[in-house]
Amino acid sequence: MTSTFPPPITALPLTDIPLGGVKAYLSQSDTHQVIFMEFEQDIDLPEHSHEAQVGFVLEGQIELNIGGQLKTYKKGERYYIPAGIPHSGKIHAGYADITFFNEPQRYQQKK
C-alpha cells in the first residue's frame, strides 16, 4: 500500500494501536496527540469513550455512531466526538485520516 503521507509524517514514530490493518504515525505533545492513520482492511470499532477527538478524513470513509447519531464521513469532511460520549463505528479499507486526541497518553509509541 502506498502511503497517503509524505516523508516528514512517515518519519514519525509508529503508534501502537490495537487494531489489525492499521498503520499510524504519532505526533506527541504534553497536552494531546495527533495521529496520522491509514487502514488496509475494514475494522469494526466497538462502543467506547474517552477524551475529545477530532478527525479529518483524507481518504475513504468511516461510519460513526456518536451518542446515538449514525453518520458517514468521507474525504474532505471532519468529525468531532466530545469527551465521554460513547461511540462506535466501521472504518472501511483505504481510509486515512489525521486524528487529534485531547489526551496526551491515549496511545503509546510502538516499541
N, C-alpha and C. Protein backbone atom coordinates (compact mmCIF):
# COMPACT_ATOMS: atom_id res chain seq x y z
N MET A 1 0.84 -1.18 0.00
CA MET A 1 0.00 0.00 0.00
C MET A 1 0.88 1.24 0.00
N THR A 2 0.64 2.15 -0.92
CA THR A 2 1.36 3.41 -0.96
C THR A 2 0.81 4.31 0.13
N SER A 3 1.71 4.98 0.83
CA SER A 3 1.29 5.82 1.94
C SER A 3 0.61 7.11 1.46
N THR A 4 -0.40 7.50 2.19
CA THR A 4 -1.08 8.78 1.98
C THR A 4 -0.18 9.93 2.41
N PHE A 5 0.73 9.63 3.33
CA PHE A 5 1.51 10.67 4.00
C PHE A 5 2.92 10.81 3.43
N PRO A 6 3.43 12.04 3.38
CA PRO A 6 4.78 12.30 2.88
C PRO A 6 5.84 11.94 3.94
N PRO A 7 7.11 11.92 3.53
CA PRO A 7 8.20 11.51 4.42
C PRO A 7 8.28 12.20 5.79
N PRO A 8 7.99 13.49 5.94
CA PRO A 8 8.06 14.05 7.30
C PRO A 8 7.09 13.37 8.27
N ILE A 9 5.96 12.88 7.76
CA ILE A 9 4.98 12.18 8.61
C ILE A 9 5.42 10.73 8.82
N THR A 10 5.82 10.05 7.76
CA THR A 10 6.21 8.64 7.89
C THR A 10 7.51 8.48 8.67
N ALA A 11 8.22 9.57 8.91
CA ALA A 11 9.43 9.52 9.75
C ALA A 11 9.08 9.60 11.24
N LEU A 12 7.82 9.94 11.56
CA LEU A 12 7.39 9.97 12.97
C LEU A 12 7.36 8.55 13.53
N PRO A 13 7.38 8.42 14.85
CA PRO A 13 7.29 7.08 15.44
C PRO A 13 5.95 6.42 15.11
N LEU A 14 5.99 5.11 14.93
CA LEU A 14 4.76 4.36 14.74
C LEU A 14 3.99 4.30 16.05
N THR A 15 2.66 4.26 15.94
CA THR A 15 1.78 4.24 17.10
C THR A 15 1.29 2.82 17.35
N ASP A 16 1.26 2.42 18.60
CA ASP A 16 0.78 1.10 18.98
C ASP A 16 -0.74 1.16 19.16
N ILE A 17 -1.48 0.85 18.09
CA ILE A 17 -2.94 0.86 18.11
C ILE A 17 -3.41 -0.59 18.02
N PRO A 18 -4.25 -1.04 18.95
CA PRO A 18 -4.65 -2.45 19.00
C PRO A 18 -5.74 -2.82 17.98
N LEU A 19 -5.51 -2.51 16.73
CA LEU A 19 -6.41 -2.86 15.64
C LEU A 19 -5.59 -3.46 14.51
N GLY A 20 -6.16 -4.42 13.80
CA GLY A 20 -5.46 -5.01 12.66
C GLY A 20 -5.53 -4.12 11.44
N GLY A 21 -4.52 -4.20 10.58
CA GLY A 21 -4.57 -3.50 9.31
C GLY A 21 -4.44 -2.00 9.36
N VAL A 22 -3.89 -1.46 10.45
CA VAL A 22 -3.72 -0.01 10.56
C VAL A 22 -2.23 0.32 10.68
N LYS A 23 -1.83 1.38 10.01
CA LYS A 23 -0.50 1.95 10.19
C LYS A 23 -0.73 3.37 10.66
N ALA A 24 -0.10 3.74 11.77
CA ALA A 24 -0.35 5.05 12.36
C ALA A 24 0.95 5.68 12.83
N TYR A 25 1.08 6.97 12.63
CA TYR A 25 2.26 7.74 13.00
C TYR A 25 1.88 8.73 14.08
N LEU A 26 2.71 8.82 15.11
CA LEU A 26 2.39 9.59 16.31
C LEU A 26 3.16 10.90 16.41
N SER A 27 2.41 11.99 16.58
CA SER A 27 2.99 13.28 16.94
C SER A 27 2.54 13.56 18.37
N GLN A 28 3.50 13.53 19.28
CA GLN A 28 3.22 13.58 20.71
C GLN A 28 3.46 14.97 21.28
N SER A 29 2.53 15.41 22.15
CA SER A 29 2.65 16.67 22.87
C SER A 29 2.44 16.40 24.35
N ASP A 30 2.73 17.38 25.19
CA ASP A 30 2.47 17.24 26.62
C ASP A 30 0.98 17.28 26.93
N THR A 31 0.17 17.84 26.03
CA THR A 31 -1.25 18.03 26.30
C THR A 31 -2.19 17.25 25.39
N HIS A 32 -1.68 16.68 24.29
CA HIS A 32 -2.52 15.98 23.32
C HIS A 32 -1.68 15.10 22.41
N GLN A 33 -2.36 14.38 21.52
CA GLN A 33 -1.70 13.60 20.48
C GLN A 33 -2.35 13.89 19.14
N VAL A 34 -1.54 13.86 18.08
CA VAL A 34 -2.05 13.90 16.72
C VAL A 34 -1.54 12.62 16.06
N ILE A 35 -2.48 11.85 15.50
CA ILE A 35 -2.12 10.57 14.89
C ILE A 35 -2.54 10.58 13.43
N PHE A 36 -1.65 10.17 12.57
CA PHE A 36 -1.87 10.08 11.12
C PHE A 36 -2.10 8.60 10.82
N MET A 37 -3.31 8.22 10.43
CA MET A 37 -3.67 6.80 10.32
C MET A 37 -4.08 6.41 8.90
N GLU A 38 -3.71 5.16 8.53
CA GLU A 38 -4.10 4.56 7.26
C GLU A 38 -4.56 3.13 7.56
N PHE A 39 -5.67 2.72 6.94
CA PHE A 39 -6.25 1.40 7.18
C PHE A 39 -6.26 0.57 5.90
N GLU A 40 -5.72 -0.64 6.00
CA GLU A 40 -5.66 -1.56 4.85
C GLU A 40 -6.86 -2.49 4.79
N GLN A 41 -7.62 -2.60 5.88
CA GLN A 41 -8.76 -3.51 5.90
C GLN A 41 -9.91 -2.88 6.68
N ASP A 42 -11.11 -3.45 6.49
CA ASP A 42 -12.27 -2.99 7.24
C ASP A 42 -12.08 -3.30 8.72
N ILE A 43 -12.50 -2.37 9.57
CA ILE A 43 -12.39 -2.52 11.02
C ILE A 43 -13.73 -2.14 11.65
N ASP A 44 -14.23 -3.00 12.52
CA ASP A 44 -15.40 -2.66 13.33
C ASP A 44 -14.91 -2.15 14.68
N LEU A 45 -15.37 -0.96 15.04
CA LEU A 45 -14.99 -0.36 16.32
C LEU A 45 -16.09 -0.58 17.35
N PRO A 46 -15.79 -1.31 18.43
CA PRO A 46 -16.81 -1.49 19.46
C PRO A 46 -17.05 -0.17 20.20
N GLU A 47 -18.20 -0.08 20.85
CA GLU A 47 -18.52 1.15 21.58
C GLU A 47 -17.52 1.39 22.70
N HIS A 48 -17.10 2.63 22.82
CA HIS A 48 -16.15 3.05 23.85
C HIS A 48 -16.26 4.56 24.02
N SER A 49 -15.54 5.11 24.97
CA SER A 49 -15.49 6.57 25.15
C SER A 49 -14.13 6.94 25.73
N HIS A 50 -13.79 8.20 25.58
CA HIS A 50 -12.51 8.74 26.05
C HIS A 50 -12.60 10.26 25.97
N GLU A 51 -11.48 10.93 26.08
CA GLU A 51 -11.44 12.40 25.96
C GLU A 51 -11.83 12.81 24.53
N ALA A 52 -11.98 14.10 24.29
CA ALA A 52 -12.42 14.61 22.99
C ALA A 52 -11.50 14.16 21.85
N GLN A 53 -12.12 13.95 20.68
CA GLN A 53 -11.42 13.50 19.49
C GLN A 53 -11.95 14.27 18.29
N VAL A 54 -11.06 14.70 17.41
CA VAL A 54 -11.43 15.36 16.16
C VAL A 54 -10.70 14.64 15.03
N GLY A 55 -11.43 14.25 13.99
CA GLY A 55 -10.82 13.56 12.85
C GLY A 55 -11.04 14.32 11.56
N PHE A 56 -10.01 14.35 10.73
CA PHE A 56 -10.05 15.00 9.42
C PHE A 56 -9.84 13.90 8.38
N VAL A 57 -10.87 13.57 7.61
CA VAL A 57 -10.83 12.46 6.67
C VAL A 57 -10.07 12.86 5.41
N LEU A 58 -9.02 12.09 5.11
CA LEU A 58 -8.19 12.35 3.94
C LEU A 58 -8.55 11.45 2.76
N GLU A 59 -8.91 10.20 3.06
CA GLU A 59 -9.25 9.22 2.02
C GLU A 59 -10.32 8.29 2.57
N GLY A 60 -11.15 7.75 1.69
CA GLY A 60 -12.11 6.72 2.07
C GLY A 60 -13.25 7.23 2.92
N GLN A 61 -13.78 6.31 3.75
CA GLN A 61 -14.91 6.69 4.59
C GLN A 61 -14.93 5.92 5.90
N ILE A 62 -15.58 6.53 6.87
CA ILE A 62 -15.77 5.96 8.19
C ILE A 62 -17.22 6.21 8.59
N GLU A 63 -17.84 5.18 9.16
CA GLU A 63 -19.19 5.32 9.70
C GLU A 63 -19.06 5.39 11.21
N LEU A 64 -19.62 6.44 11.80
CA LEU A 64 -19.54 6.60 13.25
C LEU A 64 -20.92 6.78 13.85
N ASN A 65 -21.14 6.09 14.95
CA ASN A 65 -22.33 6.29 15.76
C ASN A 65 -21.85 7.03 17.00
N ILE A 66 -22.12 8.33 17.05
CA ILE A 66 -21.65 9.19 18.14
C ILE A 66 -22.85 9.58 18.98
N GLY A 67 -22.91 9.04 20.18
CA GLY A 67 -24.02 9.35 21.07
C GLY A 67 -25.38 9.02 20.48
N GLY A 68 -25.45 7.93 19.70
CA GLY A 68 -26.73 7.51 19.11
C GLY A 68 -27.03 8.10 17.75
N GLN A 69 -26.16 8.94 17.22
CA GLN A 69 -26.34 9.54 15.89
C GLN A 69 -25.38 8.88 14.91
N LEU A 70 -25.91 8.15 13.92
CA LEU A 70 -25.09 7.47 12.92
C LEU A 70 -24.87 8.37 11.72
N LYS A 71 -23.61 8.51 11.31
CA LYS A 71 -23.27 9.34 10.15
C LYS A 71 -22.04 8.76 9.46
N THR A 72 -21.98 8.91 8.14
CA THR A 72 -20.82 8.51 7.36
C THR A 72 -20.02 9.75 7.00
N TYR A 73 -18.73 9.68 7.23
CA TYR A 73 -17.81 10.79 6.91
C TYR A 73 -16.90 10.35 5.78
N LYS A 74 -16.72 11.23 4.79
CA LYS A 74 -15.92 10.94 3.61
C LYS A 74 -14.82 11.97 3.43
N LYS A 75 -13.98 11.71 2.45
CA LYS A 75 -12.84 12.59 2.13
C LYS A 75 -13.26 14.06 2.15
N GLY A 76 -12.47 14.85 2.90
CA GLY A 76 -12.73 16.29 2.99
C GLY A 76 -13.62 16.69 4.15
N GLU A 77 -14.19 15.69 4.84
CA GLU A 77 -15.07 16.01 5.97
C GLU A 77 -14.32 15.81 7.29
N ARG A 78 -14.93 16.30 8.36
CA ARG A 78 -14.34 16.13 9.69
C ARG A 78 -15.42 15.70 10.66
N TYR A 79 -14.99 15.04 11.72
CA TYR A 79 -15.94 14.66 12.77
C TYR A 79 -15.39 15.11 14.11
N TYR A 80 -16.31 15.23 15.07
CA TYR A 80 -15.96 15.63 16.43
C TYR A 80 -16.69 14.72 17.40
N ILE A 81 -15.94 14.15 18.32
CA ILE A 81 -16.51 13.32 19.38
C ILE A 81 -16.20 14.00 20.70
N PRO A 82 -17.22 14.54 21.38
CA PRO A 82 -16.97 15.21 22.66
C PRO A 82 -16.48 14.21 23.72
N ALA A 83 -15.79 14.72 24.71
CA ALA A 83 -15.27 13.89 25.80
C ALA A 83 -16.38 13.11 26.48
N GLY A 84 -16.13 11.83 26.72
CA GLY A 84 -17.04 10.98 27.47
C GLY A 84 -18.26 10.48 26.71
N ILE A 85 -18.41 10.83 25.44
CA ILE A 85 -19.58 10.40 24.67
C ILE A 85 -19.30 9.01 24.07
N PRO A 86 -20.17 8.03 24.34
CA PRO A 86 -19.99 6.70 23.76
C PRO A 86 -20.09 6.77 22.23
N HIS A 87 -19.20 6.03 21.58
CA HIS A 87 -19.21 5.98 20.12
C HIS A 87 -18.69 4.63 19.64
N SER A 88 -19.10 4.28 18.43
CA SER A 88 -18.69 3.04 17.78
C SER A 88 -18.68 3.31 16.29
N GLY A 89 -18.26 2.32 15.49
CA GLY A 89 -18.29 2.57 14.07
C GLY A 89 -17.65 1.49 13.23
N LYS A 90 -17.51 1.82 11.96
CA LYS A 90 -16.86 0.95 10.99
C LYS A 90 -15.93 1.80 10.14
N ILE A 91 -14.67 1.37 10.08
CA ILE A 91 -13.68 2.01 9.24
C ILE A 91 -13.52 1.13 8.00
N HIS A 92 -13.61 1.73 6.82
CA HIS A 92 -13.51 0.96 5.59
C HIS A 92 -12.06 0.94 5.08
N ALA A 93 -11.68 -0.19 4.48
CA ALA A 93 -10.34 -0.32 3.90
C ALA A 93 -10.07 0.86 2.98
N GLY A 94 -8.87 1.40 3.05
CA GLY A 94 -8.49 2.56 2.24
C GLY A 94 -8.70 3.88 2.94
N TYR A 95 -9.24 3.82 4.16
CA TYR A 95 -9.48 5.03 4.94
C TYR A 95 -8.16 5.60 5.46
N ALA A 96 -8.04 6.92 5.45
CA ALA A 96 -6.89 7.60 6.04
C ALA A 96 -7.38 8.90 6.66
N ASP A 97 -6.81 9.24 7.82
CA ASP A 97 -7.19 10.50 8.46
C ASP A 97 -6.08 11.05 9.33
N ILE A 98 -6.32 12.25 9.80
CA ILE A 98 -5.49 12.87 10.83
C ILE A 98 -6.42 13.03 12.02
N THR A 99 -6.04 12.46 13.16
CA THR A 99 -6.90 12.48 14.33
C THR A 99 -6.21 13.19 15.49
N PHE A 100 -6.92 14.12 16.08
CA PHE A 100 -6.47 14.84 17.26
C PHE A 100 -7.16 14.24 18.47
N PHE A 101 -6.37 13.81 19.46
CA PHE A 101 -6.90 13.32 20.73
C PHE A 101 -6.54 14.32 21.82
N ASN A 102 -7.53 14.82 22.53
CA ASN A 102 -7.31 15.76 23.62
C ASN A 102 -6.91 14.98 24.88
N GLU A 103 -5.91 14.16 24.69
CA GLU A 103 -5.47 13.22 25.73
C GLU A 103 -4.03 12.83 25.41
N PRO A 104 -3.06 13.25 26.19
CA PRO A 104 -1.67 13.02 25.83
C PRO A 104 -1.20 11.57 25.91
N GLN A 105 -1.92 10.71 26.60
CA GLN A 105 -1.49 9.32 26.74
C GLN A 105 -2.49 8.33 26.15
N ARG A 106 -3.29 8.75 25.18
CA ARG A 106 -4.27 7.86 24.57
C ARG A 106 -3.59 6.62 23.98
N TYR A 107 -2.54 6.84 23.19
CA TYR A 107 -1.79 5.74 22.58
C TYR A 107 -0.32 5.91 22.90
N GLN A 108 0.41 4.82 22.78
CA GLN A 108 1.85 4.82 23.04
C GLN A 108 2.60 4.61 21.72
N GLN A 109 3.85 4.97 21.75
CA GLN A 109 4.75 4.72 20.62
C GLN A 109 4.99 3.21 20.53
N LYS A 110 4.97 2.67 19.31
CA LYS A 110 5.23 1.25 19.11
C LYS A 110 6.68 0.96 19.43
N LYS A 111 6.92 -0.11 20.16
CA LYS A 111 8.30 -0.48 20.54
C LYS A 111 8.91 -1.42 19.55
